[in-house]
Structure formats: structure tokens, C-alpha cells
């Protein structure tokens, strides 16, 4: 993923009307006692230290995919690999967990690959750890959302357009009905370091869904920044398909894509805040009439 400009979208006339159904039960706004921060750090450490750099199409990326698949399995989700071929002939895969045959409201995603020589603790074992914790929290409670760990998000060569292959494949393989039925795609990327927490949307929906998610975060006492999201992660393919998107990330994070992106740089509190921001947003979106 890359940095963004931090500019804020203007409000729309519909925003005030949505406040009426964005009042959530305290149960969803304050799940701090239920968040397994130690478990998230174990996931970060396994991906970034035990496995290490997870270059798209490599044996290490495959090992990471199987680890994530086993984690979803242990949480009781029907989970599978969605494999695809990269332009260089190598194979990668998305790890998909959830009841895909049912009517879906939300896709929650995070990529699990990393750049060469980069352990990828923040970029993006941090996002995967949050994805898995959200799945743990919601196991057995919702059947209208899908969790996806995307492969091959990072650039595979020097060509700046050779990236985001997992999310592009997911969107291309999805039925028109599935995409049209989605109320949103939430992308979690680099949430373990960096002082500023961003919750951003894209112009295909005027930034409306992101505004709603910022409102929910603020209701829970979490300070987040807005602005327009750039095309820097797996939300991009969904936005281009017309799906409202929200991009959760922290910035600046100068150690990403370097050998210094290790678990030692991850702040567990930031992982907790990401869960606190995303969890009630999912509930708000799915509970909307």
C-alpha cells in the first residue's frame, strides 16, 4: 500500500438523515474486553517472523495462505482458497471465509503478501490479524459478510500497474448479483504503526460509506481522519466495480517495504483500535434496513 493525500470529502445532504440508525448498542461500541490483542500479535509474529517475507507466488506466500485458512477453519467458518495465475506464471490465492452462497452485505479484506526482503509485519500482517480477530468475534453471529485475505496485493515487478491481483481476481470472478448486493467493502491495510488513523472512501459513492464509518468510530471514542483514499490497496478493484468502499490504514509508516517492518514495530494498542473501529461499522452496515 502507499500513502494518501489526507484531503477530506465534502458532506452530502443524506449524511444527517443516517444518524438516526447509526446509534448502536453499547455492546457493539465497547467490545474492548473481548478483543484478543495477544492473539493478534501471535498472528503478526507468525506471518512476519516464523514465515517472513511473503512474495506473491512464492512458497512463503502459500504457507501464509494455508496458515490463514487453518485459522478460519478453527473459528468454524467454511473457508477455501480461490487460486489464480499471475502474469509471471506463478500461482497465488485468496483465502475466503464465510457463507458465500447467501445474500452478502459486506466484504472485509486484508492482503497477506509482502514485498521482497520485507517481513511485512505492518504491511500487512497487521491487517490480517485484525481480520482474523473480527472473524473470531463474529463467528456464528452473522451470515451476511465475507472475510477475504487477498494474495498478490503488492507489486510483482517494476511495473506500477502490476499489483492488486487477488482483489481484481475476486471482483472479476464474482457474480453481478453478488457485487450489486454489497453495501460495502472494508479494506484493512497497515494498521499497526503510524500515528494517524485514516478511514477513507472513494469518489464512486461520494465518500458516503466512509463518512458513516468515521461517525461510528467517533461515537466509540476513536479519533480518525478522513480524506479521499488513493488507489493503493485492495479496495480499488471493488470501487471500480461500483461497490462503496472504506480504506482503514495508519500513516506515516516509513518502514513498510523494508527489512525493518518487523513485529517489534507493531503497537498492540493500534490493532485494538482497528478492531474497535471496524467491528461496529460492520454491524451498522449490516443492520441498516
C-alpha atoms as a PDB file:
ATOM      1  CA  UNK A   1       0.000   0.000   0.000  1.00  0.00           C
ATOM      2  CA  UNK A   2       1.002   3.634  -0.429  1.00  0.00           C
ATOM      3  CA  UNK A   3       0.349   6.904   1.328  1.00  0.00           C
ATOM      4  CA  UNK A   4      -2.645   9.094   0.614  1.00  0.00           C
ATOM      5  CA  UNK A   5      -3.207  12.828   0.464  1.00  0.00           C
ATOM      6  CA  UNK A   6      -5.456  13.162   3.510  1.00  0.00           C
ATOM      7  CA  UNK A   7      -7.950  15.534   1.850  1.00  0.00           C
ATOM      8  CA  UNK A   8     -11.499  15.383   3.142  1.00  0.00           C
ATOM      9  CA  UNK A   9     -14.604  14.797   1.006  1.00  0.00           C
ATOM     10  CA  UNK A  10     -17.414  17.269   1.416  1.00  0.00           C
ATOM     11  CA  UNK A  11     -20.549  16.190   3.264  1.00  0.00           C
ATOM     12  CA  UNK A  12     -23.652  15.124   1.370  1.00  0.00           C
ATOM     13  CA  UNK A  13     -27.254  16.072   2.226  1.00  0.00           C
ATOM     14  CA  UNK A  14     -28.032  12.462   3.124  1.00  0.00           C
ATOM     15  CA  UNK A  15     -25.499  12.263   5.946  1.00  0.00           C
ATOM     16  CA  UNK A  16     -27.630  13.918   8.607  1.00  0.00           C
ATOM     17  CA  UNK A  17     -30.503  11.512   7.960  1.00  0.00           C
ATOM     18  CA  UNK A  18     -28.270   8.485   8.603  1.00  0.00           C
ATOM     19  CA  UNK A  19     -27.511   9.497  12.189  1.00  0.00           C
ATOM     20  CA  UNK A  20     -30.869   8.025  13.215  1.00  0.00           C
ATOM     21  CA  UNK A  21     -29.858   4.439  12.512  1.00  0.00           C
ATOM     22  CA  UNK A  22     -26.156   4.818  13.395  1.00  0.00           C
ATOM     23  CA  UNK A  23     -26.949   4.767  17.113  1.00  0.00           C
ATOM     24  CA  UNK A  24     -25.636   1.330  18.049  1.00  0.00           C
ATOM     25  CA  UNK A  25     -25.999  -0.658  21.265  1.00  0.00           C
ATOM     26  CA  UNK A  26     -23.175  -0.147  23.751  1.00  0.00           C
ATOM     27  CA  UNK A  27     -22.390  -3.847  23.300  1.00  0.00           C
ATOM     28  CA  UNK A  28     -21.046  -3.132  19.810  1.00  0.00           C
ATOM     29  CA  UNK A  29     -19.343   0.160  20.614  1.00  0.00           C
ATOM     30  CA  UNK A  30     -17.359  -1.141  23.609  1.00  0.00           C
ATOM     31  CA  UNK A  31     -16.062  -4.663  22.887  1.00  0.00           C
ATOM     32  CA  UNK A  32     -12.642  -3.940  24.442  1.00  0.00           C
ATOM     33  CA  UNK A  33     -12.873  -6.771  26.959  1.00  0.00           C
ATOM     34  CA  UNK A  34     -13.454  -9.282  24.175  1.00  0.00           C
ATOM     35  CA  UNK A  35     -10.536  -8.282  21.962  1.00  0.00           C
ATOM     36  CA  UNK A  36      -7.693 -10.819  21.961  1.00  0.00           C
ATOM     37  CA  UNK A  37      -4.736  -8.493  21.463  1.00  0.00           C
ATOM     38  CA  UNK A  38      -2.223 -11.206  22.379  1.00  0.00           C
ATOM     39  CA  UNK A  39      -3.752 -13.454  19.732  1.00  0.00           C
ATOM     40  CA  UNK A  40      -3.435 -10.736  17.109  1.00  0.00           C
ATOM     41  CA  UNK A  41       0.228 -10.266  17.982  1.00  0.00           C
ATOM     42  CA  UNK A  42       0.761 -14.027  17.677  1.00  0.00           C
ATOM     43  CA  UNK A  43      -0.692 -13.902  14.170  1.00  0.00           C
ATOM     44  CA  UNK A  44       1.553 -10.946  13.270  1.00  0.00           C
ATOM     45  CA  UNK A  45       4.614 -12.737  14.650  1.00  0.00           C
ATOM     46  CA  UNK A  46       3.847 -15.995  12.867  1.00  0.00           C
ATOM     47  CA  UNK A  47       3.353 -14.325   9.497  1.00  0.00           C
ATOM     48  CA  UNK A  48       6.224 -11.825   9.727  1.00  0.00           C
ATOM     49  CA  UNK A  49       8.809 -13.769  11.755  1.00  0.00           C
ATOM     50  CA  UNK A  50       8.086 -17.505  11.513  1.00  0.00           C
ATOM     51  CA  UNK A  51       7.295 -17.257   7.794  1.00  0.00           C
ATOM     52  CA  UNK A  52       8.914 -13.914   6.965  1.00  0.00           C
ATOM     53  CA  UNK A  53       8.731 -12.196   3.564  1.00  0.00           C
ATOM     54  CA  UNK A  54       5.732 -13.494   1.606  1.00  0.00           C
ATOM     55  CA  UNK A  55       6.327 -12.509  -2.008  1.00  0.00           C
ATOM     56  CA  UNK A  56       3.391 -13.078  -4.348  1.00  0.00           C
ATOM     57  CA  UNK A  57       3.532 -16.544  -5.876  1.00  0.00           C
ATOM     58  CA  UNK A  58       6.261 -17.785  -3.512  1.00  0.00           C
ATOM     59  CA  UNK A  59       6.271 -20.842  -1.269  1.00  0.00           C
ATOM     60  CA  UNK A  60       6.175 -18.474   1.714  1.00  0.00           C
ATOM     61  CA  UNK A  61       3.032 -16.778   0.444  1.00  0.00           C
ATOM     62  CA  UNK A  62       1.435 -20.206   0.025  1.00  0.00           C
ATOM     63  CA  UNK A  63       2.445 -21.149   3.555  1.00  0.00           C
ATOM     64  CA  UNK A  64       0.823 -17.957   4.842  1.00  0.00           C
ATOM     65  CA  UNK A  65      -2.369 -18.726   2.912  1.00  0.00           C
ATOM     66  CA  UNK A  66      -2.592 -22.190   4.473  1.00  0.00           C
ATOM     67  CA  UNK A  67      -1.991 -20.721   7.930  1.00  0.00           C
ATOM     68  CA  UNK A  68      -4.825 -18.205   7.468  1.00  0.00           C
ATOM     69  CA  UNK A  69      -7.062 -20.967   6.064  1.00  0.00           C
ATOM     70  CA  UNK A  70      -6.409 -23.063   9.168  1.00  0.00           C
ATOM     71  CA  UNK A  71      -7.201 -20.094  11.421  1.00  0.00           C
ATOM     72  CA  UNK A  72     -10.562 -19.567   9.721  1.00  0.00           C
ATOM     73  CA  UNK A  73     -11.244 -23.299   9.964  1.00  0.00           C
ATOM     74  CA  UNK A  74     -10.512 -23.232  13.695  1.00  0.00           C
ATOM     75  CA  UNK A  75     -13.092 -20.459  14.087  1.00  0.00           C
ATOM     76  CA  UNK A  76     -15.763 -22.613  12.459  1.00  0.00           C
ATOM     77  CA  UNK A  77     -16.002 -20.834   9.109  1.00  0.00           C
ATOM     78  CA  UNK A  78     -16.434 -22.559   5.774  1.00  0.00           C
ATOM     79  CA  UNK A  79     -13.179 -21.451   4.161  1.00  0.00           C
ATOM     80  CA  UNK A  80     -11.487 -22.078   0.828  1.00  0.00           C
ATOM     81  CA  UNK A  81      -8.655 -20.996  -1.413  1.00  0.00           C
ATOM     82  CA  UNK A  82      -9.512 -19.086  -4.578  1.00  0.00           C
ATOM     83  CA  UNK A  83      -6.452 -19.636  -6.762  1.00  0.00           C
ATOM     84  CA  UNK A  84      -5.307 -17.558  -9.722  1.00  0.00           C
ATOM     85  CA  UNK A  85      -2.289 -17.242 -12.004  1.00  0.00           C
ATOM     86  CA  UNK A  86      -0.008 -14.208 -12.022  1.00  0.00           C
ATOM     87  CA  UNK A  87       1.432 -12.714 -15.234  1.00  0.00           C
ATOM     88  CA  UNK A  88       4.814 -14.253 -14.372  1.00  0.00           C
ATOM     89  CA  UNK A  89       3.253 -17.722 -14.349  1.00  0.00           C
ATOM     90  CA  UNK A  90       3.309 -18.181 -10.595  1.00  0.00           C
ATOM     91  CA  UNK A  91       0.211 -19.055  -8.596  1.00  0.00           C
ATOM     92  CA  UNK A  92      -1.350 -17.111  -5.746  1.00  0.00           C
ATOM     93  CA  UNK A  93      -4.639 -17.421  -3.881  1.00  0.00           C
ATOM     94  CA  UNK A  94      -7.265 -15.539  -1.929  1.00  0.00           C
ATOM     95  CA  UNK A  95      -8.408 -17.102   1.331  1.00  0.00           C
ATOM     96  CA  UNK A  96     -12.204 -16.727   1.547  1.00  0.00           C
ATOM     97  CA  UNK A  97     -14.213 -17.420   4.703  1.00  0.00           C
ATOM     98  CA  UNK A  98     -17.965 -17.151   5.087  1.00  0.00           C
ATOM     99  CA  UNK A  99     -21.267 -18.284   3.653  1.00  0.00           C
ATOM    100  CA  UNK A 100     -20.734 -17.083   0.104  1.00  0.00           C
ATOM    101  CA  UNK A 101     -23.930 -18.687  -1.188  1.00  0.00           C
ATOM    102  CA  UNK A 102     -26.075 -16.418   0.984  1.00  0.00           C
ATOM    103  CA  UNK A 103     -27.007 -12.793   0.420  1.00  0.00           C
ATOM    104  CA  UNK A 104     -23.936 -10.772   1.338  1.00  0.00           C
ATOM    105  CA  UNK A 105     -23.864  -7.239   2.681  1.00  0.00           C
ATOM    106  CA  UNK A 106     -20.147  -6.687   3.411  1.00  0.00           C
ATOM    107  CA  UNK A 107     -16.733  -7.968   2.325  1.00  0.00           C
ATOM    108  CA  UNK A 108     -13.956  -7.367   4.863  1.00  0.00           C
ATOM    109  CA  UNK A 109     -10.490  -7.804   3.399  1.00  0.00           C
ATOM    110  CA  UNK A 110      -6.760  -7.561   4.090  1.00  0.00           C
ATOM    111  CA  UNK A 111      -3.818  -8.702   1.975  1.00  0.00           C
ATOM    112  CA  UNK A 112      -1.276 -11.160   3.381  1.00  0.00           C
ATOM    113  CA  UNK A 113       1.633 -10.969   0.914  1.00  0.00           C
ATOM    114  CA  UNK A 114       4.653  -8.675   1.314  1.00  0.00           C
ATOM    115  CA  UNK A 115       7.440  -7.175  -0.761  1.00  0.00           C
ATOM    116  CA  UNK A 116      10.798  -8.982  -1.275  1.00  0.00           C
ATOM    117  CA  UNK A 117      13.037  -8.828   1.814  1.00  0.00           C
ATOM    118  CA  UNK A 118      10.221  -7.216   3.820  1.00  0.00           C
ATOM    119  CA  UNK A 119       8.838  -9.274   6.741  1.00  0.00           C
ATOM    120  CA  UNK A 120       5.600  -7.329   6.296  1.00  0.00           C
ATOM    121  CA  UNK A 121       4.555  -7.036   9.944  1.00  0.00           C
ATOM    122  CA  UNK A 122       2.678  -3.791   9.392  1.00  0.00           C
ATOM    123  CA  UNK A 123       2.210  -4.285   5.643  1.00  0.00           C
ATOM    124  CA  UNK A 124       0.148  -6.298   6.098  1.00  0.00           C
ATOM    125  CA  UNK A 125       0.255  -8.931   8.837  1.00  0.00           C
ATOM    126  CA  UNK A 126      -1.318  -6.219  10.993  1.00  0.00           C
ATOM    127  CA  UNK A 127      -4.400  -6.080   8.783  1.00  0.00           C
ATOM    128  CA  UNK A 128      -4.661  -9.871   8.627  1.00  0.00           C
ATOM    129  CA  UNK A 129      -4.501 -10.102  12.418  1.00  0.00           C
ATOM    130  CA  UNK A 130      -7.396  -7.644  12.691  1.00  0.00           C
ATOM    131  CA  UNK A 131      -9.307  -9.569  10.015  1.00  0.00           C
ATOM    132  CA  UNK A 132      -8.925 -12.789  11.983  1.00  0.00           C
ATOM    133  CA  UNK A 133      -9.930 -11.147  15.256  1.00  0.00           C
ATOM    134  CA  UNK A 134     -13.051  -9.709  13.644  1.00  0.00           C
ATOM    135  CA  UNK A 135     -13.855 -13.168  12.303  1.00  0.00           C
ATOM    136  CA  UNK A 136     -13.399 -14.609  15.788  1.00  0.00           C
ATOM    137  CA  UNK A 137     -15.722 -12.014  17.300  1.00  0.00           C
ATOM    138  CA  UNK A 138     -18.445 -12.609  14.732  1.00  0.00           C
ATOM    139  CA  UNK A 139     -18.228 -16.380  14.413  1.00  0.00           C
ATOM    140  CA  UNK A 140     -21.732 -17.816  14.446  1.00  0.00           C
ATOM    141  CA  UNK A 141     -23.365 -14.368  14.637  1.00  0.00           C
ATOM    142  CA  UNK A 142     -23.576 -13.158  11.040  1.00  0.00           C
ATOM    143  CA  UNK A 143     -24.057 -14.938   7.732  1.00  0.00           C
ATOM    144  CA  UNK A 144     -24.141 -11.852   5.515  1.00  0.00           C
ATOM    145  CA  UNK A 145     -20.462 -10.973   5.434  1.00  0.00           C
ATOM    146  CA  UNK A 146     -17.398 -12.461   3.857  1.00  0.00           C
ATOM    147  CA  UNK A 147     -13.809 -12.314   5.145  1.00  0.00           C
ATOM    148  CA  UNK A 148     -11.132 -12.367   2.459  1.00  0.00           C
ATOM    149  CA  UNK A 149      -7.347 -12.465   2.859  1.00  0.00           C
ATOM    150  CA  UNK A 150      -6.090 -11.342  -0.537  1.00  0.00           C
ATOM    151  CA  UNK A 151      -2.968 -12.670  -2.204  1.00  0.00           C
ATOM    152  CA  UNK A 152      -0.660 -10.737  -4.523  1.00  0.00           C
ATOM    153  CA  UNK A 153      -1.609  -7.222  -3.490  1.00  0.00           C
ATOM    154  CA  UNK A 154       1.959  -5.918  -3.684  1.00  0.00           C
ATOM    155  CA  UNK A 155       3.643  -5.042  -6.967  1.00  0.00           C
ATOM    156  CA  UNK A 156       5.277  -8.112  -8.501  1.00  0.00           C
ATOM    157  CA  UNK A 157       7.842  -6.246 -10.632  1.00  0.00           C
ATOM    158  CA  UNK A 158       8.851  -2.698 -11.562  1.00  0.00           C
ATOM    159  CA  UNK A 159       5.662  -2.056 -13.488  1.00  0.00           C
ATOM    160  CA  UNK A 160       3.484   0.199 -11.325  1.00  0.00           C
ATOM    161  CA  UNK A 161       0.259  -1.404 -12.585  1.00  0.00           C
ATOM    162  CA  UNK A 162       1.279  -4.976 -11.703  1.00  0.00           C
ATOM    163  CA  UNK A 163      -0.413  -5.256  -8.318  1.00  0.00           C
ATOM    164  CA  UNK A 164      -3.729  -5.975  -6.549  1.00  0.00           C
ATOM    165  CA  UNK A 165      -4.124  -9.258  -8.413  1.00  0.00           C
ATOM    166  CA  UNK A 166      -6.042 -11.036  -5.655  1.00  0.00           C
ATOM    167  CA  UNK A 167      -8.754  -8.413  -5.266  1.00  0.00           C
ATOM    168  CA  UNK A 168      -9.003  -7.923  -9.025  1.00  0.00           C
ATOM    169  CA  UNK A 169      -9.477 -11.665  -9.476  1.00  0.00           C
ATOM    170  CA  UNK A 170     -12.120 -11.789  -6.740  1.00  0.00           C
ATOM    171  CA  UNK A 171     -14.121  -8.998  -8.380  1.00  0.00           C
ATOM    172  CA  UNK A 172     -13.780 -10.479 -11.861  1.00  0.00           C
ATOM    173  CA  UNK A 173     -14.909 -13.908 -10.634  1.00  0.00           C
ATOM    174  CA  UNK A 174     -17.835 -12.559  -8.583  1.00  0.00           C
ATOM    175  CA  UNK A 175     -21.331 -12.604  -9.984  1.00  0.00           C
ATOM    176  CA  UNK A 176     -23.028  -9.331 -10.889  1.00  0.00           C
ATOM    177  CA  UNK A 177     -25.674 -10.088  -8.278  1.00  0.00           C
ATOM    178  CA  UNK A 178     -23.100 -10.519  -5.517  1.00  0.00           C
ATOM    179  CA  UNK A 179     -21.387  -7.224  -6.310  1.00  0.00           C
ATOM    180  CA  UNK A 180     -24.647  -5.318  -6.695  1.00  0.00           C
ATOM    181  CA  UNK A 181     -25.895  -6.719  -3.385  1.00  0.00           C
ATOM    182  CA  UNK A 182     -22.888  -5.469  -1.411  1.00  0.00           C
ATOM    183  CA  UNK A 183     -23.419  -2.467   0.821  1.00  0.00           C
ATOM    184  CA  UNK A 184     -19.689  -2.072   1.236  1.00  0.00           C
ATOM    185  CA  UNK A 185     -16.146  -3.419   1.145  1.00  0.00           C
ATOM    186  CA  UNK A 186     -13.900  -2.643   4.139  1.00  0.00           C
ATOM    187  CA  UNK A 187     -10.163  -2.840   3.429  1.00  0.00           C
ATOM    188  CA  UNK A 188      -7.688  -3.075   6.343  1.00  0.00           C
ATOM    189  CA  UNK A 189      -4.064  -2.357   5.413  1.00  0.00           C
ATOM    190  CA  UNK A 190      -1.161  -1.182   7.611  1.00  0.00           C
ATOM    191  CA  UNK A 191      -2.900  -0.564  10.933  1.00  0.00           C
ATOM    192  CA  UNK A 192      -0.077  -1.488  13.331  1.00  0.00           C
ATOM    193  CA  UNK A 193       2.139   1.607  13.215  1.00  0.00           C
ATOM    194  CA  UNK A 194       1.903   5.267  12.275  1.00  0.00           C
ATOM    195  CA  UNK A 195       0.400   7.988  14.491  1.00  0.00           C
ATOM    196  CA  UNK A 196      -2.622   8.904  12.350  1.00  0.00           C
ATOM    197  CA  UNK A 197      -5.584   6.583  11.802  1.00  0.00           C
ATOM    198  CA  UNK A 198      -7.410   7.139   8.490  1.00  0.00           C
ATOM    199  CA  UNK A 199     -10.868   5.929   7.491  1.00  0.00           C
ATOM    200  CA  UNK A 200     -11.303   6.941   3.859  1.00  0.00           C
ATOM    201  CA  UNK A 201     -13.606   6.356   0.917  1.00  0.00           C
ATOM    202  CA  UNK A 202     -13.523   6.831  -2.828  1.00  0.00           C
ATOM    203  CA  UNK A 203     -15.500   9.039  -5.139  1.00  0.00           C
ATOM    204  CA  UNK A 204     -17.700   6.302  -6.620  1.00  0.00           C
ATOM    205  CA  UNK A 205     -20.098   6.782  -3.678  1.00  0.00           C
ATOM    206  CA  UNK A 206     -19.056  10.343  -2.816  1.00  0.00           C
ATOM    207  CA  UNK A 207     -17.229   9.086   0.276  1.00  0.00           C
ATOM    208  CA  UNK A 208     -20.585   8.443   1.936  1.00  0.00           C
ATOM    209  CA  UNK A 209     -19.885   4.996   3.390  1.00  0.00           C
ATOM    210  CA  UNK A 210     -16.544   6.177   4.783  1.00  0.00           C
ATOM    211  CA  UNK A 211     -18.311   9.105   6.426  1.00  0.00           C
ATOM    212  CA  UNK A 212     -20.678   6.690   8.129  1.00  0.00           C
ATOM    213  CA  UNK A 213     -17.770   4.543   9.338  1.00  0.00           C
ATOM    214  CA  UNK A 214     -15.936   7.583  10.698  1.00  0.00           C
ATOM    215  CA  UNK A 215     -19.115   8.611  12.510  1.00  0.00           C
ATOM    216  CA  UNK A 216     -19.371   5.171  14.131  1.00  0.00           C
ATOM    217  CA  UNK A 217     -15.685   5.275  15.151  1.00  0.00           C
ATOM    218  CA  UNK A 218     -16.113   8.710  16.681  1.00  0.00           C
ATOM    219  CA  UNK A 219     -19.192   7.502  18.571  1.00  0.00           C
ATOM    220  CA  UNK A 220     -16.917   4.891  20.125  1.00  0.00           C
ATOM    221  CA  UNK A 221     -14.347   7.497  21.144  1.00  0.00           C
ATOM    222  CA  UNK A 222     -11.832   6.647  18.412  1.00  0.00           C
ATOM    223  CA  UNK A 223     -10.157   9.591  16.706  1.00  0.00           C
ATOM    224  CA  UNK A 224      -9.921   9.011  12.958  1.00  0.00           C
ATOM    225  CA  UNK A 225      -9.050  11.202   9.998  1.00  0.00           C
ATOM    226  CA  UNK A 226     -10.871  11.377   6.679  1.00  0.00           C
ATOM    227  CA  UNK A 227      -9.961  12.362   3.144  1.00  0.00           C
ATOM    228  CA  UNK A 228     -10.086  10.550  -0.164  1.00  0.00           C
ATOM    229  CA  UNK A 229      -8.451   7.140  -0.438  1.00  0.00           C
ATOM    230  CA  UNK A 230      -5.967   6.682  -3.226  1.00  0.00           C
ATOM    231  CA  UNK A 231      -5.908   3.522  -5.373  1.00  0.00           C
ATOM    232  CA  UNK A 232      -3.312   1.944  -3.111  1.00  0.00           C
ATOM    233  CA  UNK A 233      -4.832  -1.289  -1.843  1.00  0.00           C
ATOM    234  CA  UNK A 234      -7.472  -3.945  -2.430  1.00  0.00           C
ATOM    235  CA  UNK A 235     -10.431  -1.586  -2.057  1.00  0.00           C
ATOM    236  CA  UNK A 236      -9.639  -0.187  -5.514  1.00  0.00           C
ATOM    237  CA  UNK A 237     -10.986  -3.111  -7.558  1.00  0.00           C
ATOM    238  CA  UNK A 238     -14.262  -3.023  -5.638  1.00  0.00           C
ATOM    239  CA  UNK A 239     -14.673   0.742  -6.075  1.00  0.00           C
ATOM    240  CA  UNK A 240     -14.126   0.395  -9.823  1.00  0.00           C
ATOM    241  CA  UNK A 241     -16.898  -2.226  -9.835  1.00  0.00           C
ATOM    242  CA  UNK A 242     -19.259   0.260  -8.192  1.00  0.00           C
ATOM    243  CA  UNK A 243     -19.093  -1.069  -4.628  1.00  0.00           C
ATOM    244  CA  UNK A 244     -18.852   1.529  -1.828  1.00  0.00           C
ATOM    245  CA  UNK A 245     -15.503   1.083  -0.070  1.00  0.00           C
ATOM    246  CA  UNK A 246     -13.738   2.107   3.125  1.00  0.00           C
ATOM    247  CA  UNK A 247      -9.963   2.074   3.496  1.00  0.00           C
ATOM    248  CA  UNK A 248      -8.646   1.689   7.067  1.00  0.00           C
ATOM    249  CA  UNK A 249      -4.943   2.466   7.472  1.00  0.00           C
ATOM    250  CA  UNK A 250      -2.408   4.370   9.547  1.00  0.00           C
ATOM    251  CA  UNK A 251       0.227   6.808   8.325  1.00  0.00           C
ATOM    252  CA  UNK A 252       3.068   7.621   8.070  1.00  0.00           C
ATOM    253  CA  UNK A 253       4.779   4.248   8.132  1.00  0.00           C
ATOM    254  CA  UNK A 254       8.273   4.656   6.622  1.00  0.00           C
ATOM    255  CA  UNK A 255       9.432   1.108   7.457  1.00  0.00           C
ATOM    256  CA  UNK A 256       6.969  -0.688   5.188  1.00  0.00           C
ATOM    257  CA  UNK A 257       8.518  -2.440   2.187  1.00  0.00           C
ATOM    258  CA  UNK A 258      11.826  -2.621   4.118  1.00  0.00           C
ATOM    259  CA  UNK A 259      13.591  -5.327   6.193  1.00  0.00           C
ATOM    260  CA  UNK A 260      12.753  -3.270   9.296  1.00  0.00           C
ATOM    261  CA  UNK A 261       8.991  -3.910   9.029  1.00  0.00           C
ATOM    262  CA  UNK A 262       9.099  -6.415  11.900  1.00  0.00           C
ATOM    263  CA  UNK A 263       6.748  -7.306  14.777  1.00  0.00           C
ATOM    264  CA  UNK A 264       8.832  -5.118  17.092  1.00  0.00           C
ATOM    265  CA  UNK A 265       7.452  -2.052  15.293  1.00  0.00           C
ATOM    266  CA  UNK A 266       3.796  -3.016  15.849  1.00  0.00           C
ATOM    267  CA  UNK A 267       1.846  -1.282  18.588  1.00  0.00           C
ATOM    268  CA  UNK A 268      -0.743  -3.710  20.015  1.00  0.00           C
ATOM    269  CA  UNK A 269      -2.969  -0.784  21.016  1.00  0.00           C
ATOM    270  CA  UNK A 270      -3.267   0.202  17.353  1.00  0.00           C
ATOM    271  CA  UNK A 271      -4.507  -3.275  16.475  1.00  0.00           C
ATOM    272  CA  UNK A 272      -7.094  -2.997  19.241  1.00  0.00           C
ATOM    273  CA  UNK A 273      -8.250   0.385  17.959  1.00  0.00           C
ATOM    274  CA  UNK A 274      -8.642  -1.031  14.459  1.00  0.00           C
ATOM    275  CA  UNK A 275     -10.954  -3.745  15.774  1.00  0.00           C
ATOM    276  CA  UNK A 276     -12.895  -1.167  17.790  1.00  0.00           C
ATOM    277  CA  UNK A 277     -13.353   0.934  14.650  1.00  0.00           C
ATOM    278  CA  UNK A 278     -14.241  -1.794  12.160  1.00  0.00           C
ATOM    279  CA  UNK A 279     -16.444  -4.073  14.278  1.00  0.00           C
ATOM    280  CA  UNK A 280     -19.278  -1.586  14.927  1.00  0.00           C
ATOM    281  CA  UNK A 281     -19.009  -0.352  11.345  1.00  0.00           C
ATOM    282  CA  UNK A 282     -19.800  -3.860  10.119  1.00  0.00           C
ATOM    283  CA  UNK A 283     -22.793  -4.026  12.451  1.00  0.00           C
ATOM    284  CA  UNK A 284     -24.028  -0.595  11.339  1.00  0.00           C
ATOM    285  CA  UNK A 285     -23.825  -1.528   7.660  1.00  0.00           C
ATOM    286  CA  UNK A 286     -25.382  -4.979   8.054  1.00  0.00           C
ATOM    287  CA  UNK A 287     -28.171  -3.745  10.319  1.00  0.00           C
ATOM    288  CA  UNK A 288     -29.206  -0.953   8.000  1.00  0.00           C
ATOM    289  CA  UNK A 289     -32.697  -1.693   6.573  1.00  0.00           C
END
